[in-house]
Amino acid sequence: MAKKLRITLVKSTIGRLQKHRDTLASLGLKKIDSVVEKEATPDILGKIRQISYLVNVEEV
């Protein structure tokens, strides 16, 4: 069974690169303090790595 990750948006997207805002939208994060749970697949981990300065990630 793959690990699950809890991803929380903790910083604003105002003034960020459009590419990073698109990545947040693809993960389902819209507003500060929004939380999603995703499987730890290589594509999800790559997205998290790109926007690591905007989110907190916890293993569930």
C-alpha atoms as a PDB file:
ATOM      1  CA  MET A   1       0.000   0.000   0.000  1.00  0.00           C
ATOM      2  CA  ALA A   2       1.353   3.416  -0.967  1.00  0.00           C
ATOM      3  CA  LYS A   3       1.896   6.051   1.679  1.00  0.00           C
ATOM      4  CA  LYS A   4      -0.680   8.819   1.997  1.00  0.00           C
ATOM      5  CA  LEU A   5       0.358  12.424   2.358  1.00  0.00           C
ATOM      6  CA  ARG A   6      -1.601  15.270   3.922  1.00  0.00           C
ATOM      7  CA  ILE A   7      -0.759  18.487   2.069  1.00  0.00           C
ATOM      8  CA  THR A   8      -1.678  21.876   3.575  1.00  0.00           C
ATOM      9  CA  LEU A   9      -1.350  25.233   1.800  1.00  0.00           C
ATOM     10  CA  VAL A  10       0.283  27.614   4.297  1.00  0.00           C
ATOM     11  CA  LYS A  11       1.385  30.602   2.184  1.00  0.00           C
ATOM     12  CA  SER A  12      -0.434  32.879  -0.216  1.00  0.00           C
ATOM     13  CA  THR A  13      -0.242  32.402  -3.974  1.00  0.00           C
ATOM     14  CA  ILE A  14      -0.281  36.157  -4.659  1.00  0.00           C
ATOM     15  CA  GLY A  15       2.768  37.121  -6.710  1.00  0.00           C
ATOM     16  CA  ARG A  16       3.849  33.521  -7.316  1.00  0.00           C
ATOM     17  CA  LEU A  17       4.732  32.046 -10.674  1.00  0.00           C
ATOM     18  CA  GLN A  18       1.750  30.983 -12.780  1.00  0.00           C
ATOM     19  CA  LYS A  19       3.312  27.530 -13.111  1.00  0.00           C
ATOM     20  CA  HIS A  20       3.313  27.141  -9.327  1.00  0.00           C
ATOM     21  CA  ARG A  21      -0.302  28.343  -9.032  1.00  0.00           C
ATOM     22  CA  ASP A  22      -1.285  25.795 -11.687  1.00  0.00           C
ATOM     23  CA  THR A  23       0.483  23.066  -9.715  1.00  0.00           C
ATOM     24  CA  LEU A  24      -1.453  24.014  -6.569  1.00  0.00           C
ATOM     25  CA  ALA A  25      -4.715  23.903  -8.529  1.00  0.00           C
ATOM     26  CA  SER A  26      -3.864  20.453  -9.907  1.00  0.00           C
ATOM     27  CA  LEU A  27      -3.401  19.231  -6.337  1.00  0.00           C
ATOM     28  CA  GLY A  28      -6.756  20.727  -5.343  1.00  0.00           C
ATOM     29  CA  LEU A  29      -5.378  23.489  -3.109  1.00  0.00           C
ATOM     30  CA  LYS A  30      -7.157  26.827  -3.475  1.00  0.00           C
ATOM     31  CA  LYS A  31      -7.115  28.811  -0.239  1.00  0.00           C
ATOM     32  CA  ILE A  32      -4.706  29.098   2.675  1.00  0.00           C
ATOM     33  CA  ASP A  33      -5.226  26.269   5.193  1.00  0.00           C
ATOM     34  CA  SER A  34      -6.917  24.050   2.592  1.00  0.00           C
ATOM     35  CA  VAL A  35      -5.939  20.397   3.041  1.00  0.00           C
ATOM     36  CA  VAL A  36      -5.879  17.439   0.655  1.00  0.00           C
ATOM     37  CA  GLU A  37      -4.755  13.841   1.092  1.00  0.00           C
ATOM     38  CA  LYS A  38      -2.951  12.194  -1.813  1.00  0.00           C
ATOM     39  CA  GLU A  39      -1.102   8.949  -2.460  1.00  0.00           C
ATOM     40  CA  ALA A  40       2.697   9.327  -2.503  1.00  0.00           C
ATOM     41  CA  THR A  41       3.235   8.661  -6.211  1.00  0.00           C
ATOM     42  CA  PRO A  42       6.247  10.006  -8.165  1.00  0.00           C
ATOM     43  CA  ASP A  43       4.180  12.652  -9.969  1.00  0.00           C
ATOM     44  CA  ILE A  44       2.630  13.941  -6.724  1.00  0.00           C
ATOM     45  CA  LEU A  45       6.051  14.028  -5.045  1.00  0.00           C
ATOM     46  CA  GLY A  46       7.432  16.040  -7.979  1.00  0.00           C
ATOM     47  CA  LYS A  47       4.599  18.549  -7.676  1.00  0.00           C
ATOM     48  CA  ILE A  48       5.218  18.868  -3.942  1.00  0.00           C
ATOM     49  CA  ARG A  49       8.932  19.393  -4.541  1.00  0.00           C
ATOM     50  CA  GLN A  50       8.164  22.266  -6.932  1.00  0.00           C
ATOM     51  CA  ILE A  51       5.926  24.113  -4.447  1.00  0.00           C
ATOM     52  CA  SER A  52       7.575  23.006  -1.197  1.00  0.00           C
ATOM     53  CA  TYR A  53       7.975  26.635  -0.053  1.00  0.00           C
ATOM     54  CA  LEU A  54       4.164  27.072  -0.072  1.00  0.00           C
ATOM     55  CA  VAL A  55       2.976  23.869   1.613  1.00  0.00           C
ATOM     56  CA  ASN A  56       3.399  21.648   4.667  1.00  0.00           C
ATOM     57  CA  VAL A  57       3.428  17.899   4.078  1.00  0.00           C
ATOM     58  CA  GLU A  58       2.695  15.210   6.672  1.00  0.00           C
ATOM     59  CA  GLU A  59       2.716  11.462   6.281  1.00  0.00           C
ATOM     60  CA  VAL A  60      -0.603   9.884   7.270  1.00  0.00           C
END
